[in-house]
Amino acid sequence: MTEVTIRVDGMSCGGCVRNVTGVLKALPGVLDAEVRQEEAMARVTYDPTLVSVDALRQAIIDAGFDAAL
């Protein structure tokens, strides 16, 4: 397993955190996702043979937020 921290901008409430957490955990290969609004970040534990960092970022972007490494 691999862990990555992704900066997530645009989260303004607990619903945003739940939304980002949900889209990340729905991806095949994601073991865990810890999302924090106060720190504007998502820490994701994933299997790199099943999902890429780009796919993680794109899922956040598709949910309506900005994502950067």
N, C-alpha and C. Protein backbone atom coordinates (compact mmCIF):
# COMPACT_ATOMS: atom_id res chain seq x y z
N MET A 1 0.83 -1.18 0.00
CA MET A 1 0.00 0.00 0.00
C MET A 1 0.87 1.25 0.00
N THR A 2 0.32 2.29 -0.56
CA THR A 2 1.01 3.57 -0.67
C THR A 2 0.11 4.64 -0.09
N GLU A 3 0.74 5.69 0.44
CA GLU A 3 -0.04 6.80 0.99
C GLU A 3 0.37 8.08 0.28
N VAL A 4 -0.62 8.93 -0.01
CA VAL A 4 -0.36 10.21 -0.64
C VAL A 4 -1.23 11.26 0.05
N THR A 5 -0.70 12.48 0.14
CA THR A 5 -1.48 13.60 0.65
C THR A 5 -1.76 14.54 -0.51
N ILE A 6 -3.04 14.84 -0.69
CA ILE A 6 -3.48 15.71 -1.79
C ILE A 6 -4.11 16.95 -1.18
N ARG A 7 -3.68 18.12 -1.64
CA ARG A 7 -4.30 19.37 -1.20
C ARG A 7 -5.66 19.49 -1.88
N VAL A 8 -6.68 19.79 -1.08
CA VAL A 8 -8.05 19.92 -1.60
C VAL A 8 -8.57 21.31 -1.23
N ASP A 9 -8.76 22.15 -2.22
CA ASP A 9 -9.27 23.50 -1.98
C ASP A 9 -10.74 23.56 -2.36
N GLY A 10 -11.48 24.38 -1.62
CA GLY A 10 -12.88 24.60 -1.94
C GLY A 10 -13.85 23.92 -0.98
N MET A 11 -13.35 23.20 0.01
CA MET A 11 -14.24 22.57 0.99
C MET A 11 -14.66 23.61 2.01
N SER A 12 -15.97 23.74 2.23
CA SER A 12 -16.46 24.77 3.14
C SER A 12 -17.31 24.23 4.28
N CYS A 13 -17.55 22.92 4.30
CA CYS A 13 -18.42 22.37 5.33
C CYS A 13 -18.20 20.85 5.48
N GLY A 14 -18.87 20.28 6.45
CA GLY A 14 -18.77 18.85 6.67
C GLY A 14 -19.29 18.04 5.51
N GLY A 15 -20.28 18.59 4.80
CA GLY A 15 -20.82 17.90 3.63
C GLY A 15 -19.76 17.76 2.54
N CYS A 16 -18.94 18.79 2.40
CA CYS A 16 -17.85 18.74 1.42
C CYS A 16 -16.87 17.63 1.78
N VAL A 17 -16.56 17.53 3.06
CA VAL A 17 -15.63 16.50 3.54
C VAL A 17 -16.21 15.12 3.25
N ARG A 18 -17.49 14.92 3.55
CA ARG A 18 -18.14 13.63 3.29
C ARG A 18 -18.16 13.32 1.79
N ASN A 19 -18.39 14.33 0.98
CA ASN A 19 -18.42 14.16 -0.47
C ASN A 19 -17.07 13.69 -0.99
N VAL A 20 -16.00 14.39 -0.60
CA VAL A 20 -14.64 14.04 -1.05
C VAL A 20 -14.26 12.65 -0.53
N THR A 21 -14.56 12.39 0.73
CA THR A 21 -14.26 11.08 1.30
C THR A 21 -14.97 9.98 0.53
N GLY A 22 -16.24 10.21 0.21
CA GLY A 22 -17.03 9.21 -0.50
C GLY A 22 -16.52 8.91 -1.90
N VAL A 23 -16.16 9.97 -2.65
CA VAL A 23 -15.69 9.71 -4.02
C VAL A 23 -14.34 9.01 -4.01
N LEU A 24 -13.52 9.31 -3.03
CA LEU A 24 -12.21 8.64 -2.95
C LEU A 24 -12.38 7.17 -2.56
N LYS A 25 -13.17 6.91 -1.52
CA LYS A 25 -13.35 5.53 -1.05
C LYS A 25 -14.08 4.66 -2.07
N ALA A 26 -14.80 5.28 -2.99
CA ALA A 26 -15.51 4.52 -4.02
C ALA A 26 -14.59 4.00 -5.12
N LEU A 27 -13.39 4.54 -5.20
CA LEU A 27 -12.45 4.11 -6.24
C LEU A 27 -11.86 2.74 -5.89
N PRO A 28 -11.80 1.83 -6.87
CA PRO A 28 -11.16 0.54 -6.63
C PRO A 28 -9.69 0.75 -6.25
N GLY A 29 -9.26 0.09 -5.20
CA GLY A 29 -7.87 0.20 -4.78
C GLY A 29 -7.64 1.16 -3.64
N VAL A 30 -8.66 1.96 -3.30
CA VAL A 30 -8.51 2.88 -2.17
C VAL A 30 -8.87 2.14 -0.89
N LEU A 31 -7.90 2.06 0.01
CA LEU A 31 -8.10 1.37 1.28
C LEU A 31 -8.71 2.30 2.31
N ASP A 32 -8.22 3.56 2.35
CA ASP A 32 -8.72 4.53 3.32
C ASP A 32 -8.51 5.93 2.79
N ALA A 33 -9.39 6.84 3.22
CA ALA A 33 -9.25 8.26 2.86
C ALA A 33 -9.61 9.08 4.09
N GLU A 34 -8.68 9.90 4.53
CA GLU A 34 -8.90 10.80 5.66
C GLU A 34 -8.89 12.21 5.11
N VAL A 35 -10.02 12.89 5.17
CA VAL A 35 -10.17 14.23 4.59
C VAL A 35 -10.39 15.22 5.72
N ARG A 36 -9.64 16.32 5.68
CA ARG A 36 -9.75 17.35 6.72
C ARG A 36 -9.96 18.72 6.09
N GLN A 37 -11.09 19.31 6.40
CA GLN A 37 -11.42 20.64 5.88
C GLN A 37 -10.46 21.70 6.40
N GLU A 38 -10.17 21.66 7.71
CA GLU A 38 -9.32 22.68 8.33
C GLU A 38 -7.93 22.73 7.71
N GLU A 39 -7.42 21.58 7.32
CA GLU A 39 -6.08 21.50 6.73
C GLU A 39 -6.12 21.47 5.21
N ALA A 40 -7.32 21.47 4.63
CA ALA A 40 -7.51 21.45 3.18
C ALA A 40 -6.71 20.32 2.54
N MET A 41 -6.91 19.10 3.08
CA MET A 41 -6.14 17.98 2.54
C MET A 41 -6.91 16.67 2.64
N ALA A 42 -6.44 15.73 1.80
CA ALA A 42 -6.92 14.35 1.85
C ALA A 42 -5.71 13.45 1.90
N ARG A 43 -5.66 12.58 2.90
CA ARG A 43 -4.59 11.58 3.00
C ARG A 43 -5.20 10.25 2.58
N VAL A 44 -4.68 9.69 1.50
CA VAL A 44 -5.29 8.50 0.91
C VAL A 44 -4.29 7.34 0.95
N THR A 45 -4.76 6.20 1.44
CA THR A 45 -3.99 4.97 1.40
C THR A 45 -4.59 4.12 0.29
N TYR A 46 -3.73 3.73 -0.66
CA TYR A 46 -4.25 3.07 -1.87
C TYR A 46 -3.26 2.04 -2.40
N ASP A 47 -3.77 1.20 -3.28
CA ASP A 47 -2.95 0.20 -3.97
C ASP A 47 -2.60 0.76 -5.34
N PRO A 48 -1.33 1.11 -5.58
CA PRO A 48 -0.95 1.74 -6.84
C PRO A 48 -1.09 0.82 -8.06
N THR A 49 -1.30 -0.47 -7.83
CA THR A 49 -1.53 -1.36 -8.97
C THR A 49 -2.98 -1.30 -9.44
N LEU A 50 -3.85 -0.68 -8.61
CA LEU A 50 -5.28 -0.60 -8.95
C LEU A 50 -5.76 0.81 -9.27
N VAL A 51 -5.10 1.82 -8.71
CA VAL A 51 -5.54 3.20 -8.93
C VAL A 51 -4.31 4.11 -8.89
N SER A 52 -4.34 5.15 -9.73
CA SER A 52 -3.20 6.09 -9.80
C SER A 52 -3.51 7.36 -9.02
N VAL A 53 -2.47 8.11 -8.72
CA VAL A 53 -2.63 9.40 -8.07
C VAL A 53 -3.45 10.33 -8.96
N ASP A 54 -3.23 10.26 -10.27
CA ASP A 54 -4.01 11.09 -11.19
C ASP A 54 -5.50 10.76 -11.10
N ALA A 55 -5.84 9.49 -10.94
CA ALA A 55 -7.24 9.10 -10.81
C ALA A 55 -7.83 9.62 -9.50
N LEU A 56 -7.03 9.63 -8.44
CA LEU A 56 -7.49 10.18 -7.16
C LEU A 56 -7.76 11.67 -7.31
N ARG A 57 -6.83 12.38 -7.90
CA ARG A 57 -7.00 13.83 -8.13
C ARG A 57 -8.21 14.10 -9.00
N GLN A 58 -8.38 13.32 -10.06
CA GLN A 58 -9.49 13.55 -10.98
C GLN A 58 -10.83 13.32 -10.30
N ALA A 59 -10.91 12.35 -9.41
CA ALA A 59 -12.15 12.09 -8.67
C ALA A 59 -12.52 13.31 -7.81
N ILE A 60 -11.53 13.92 -7.19
CA ILE A 60 -11.77 15.12 -6.37
C ILE A 60 -12.21 16.28 -7.26
N ILE A 61 -11.54 16.46 -8.38
CA ILE A 61 -11.89 17.52 -9.32
C ILE A 61 -13.30 17.31 -9.87
N ASP A 62 -13.63 16.07 -10.22
CA ASP A 62 -14.97 15.76 -10.73
C ASP A 62 -16.06 16.03 -9.70
N ALA A 63 -15.69 15.96 -8.41
CA ALA A 63 -16.64 16.25 -7.33
C ALA A 63 -16.81 17.75 -7.11
N GLY A 64 -16.02 18.56 -7.83
CA GLY A 64 -16.19 20.01 -7.77
C GLY A 64 -15.18 20.76 -6.93
N PHE A 65 -14.07 20.12 -6.63
CA PHE A 65 -13.04 20.75 -5.80
C PHE A 65 -11.71 20.81 -6.56
N ASP A 66 -10.82 21.67 -6.10
CA ASP A 66 -9.48 21.74 -6.68
C ASP A 66 -8.58 20.77 -5.93
N ALA A 67 -7.72 20.08 -6.68
CA ALA A 67 -6.83 19.09 -6.07
C ALA A 67 -5.44 19.24 -6.63
N ALA A 68 -4.45 19.26 -5.73
CA ALA A 68 -3.04 19.38 -6.14
C ALA A 68 -2.18 18.57 -5.19
N LEU A 69 -1.04 18.13 -5.70
CA LEU A 69 -0.09 17.39 -4.85
C LEU A 69 0.79 18.36 -4.10
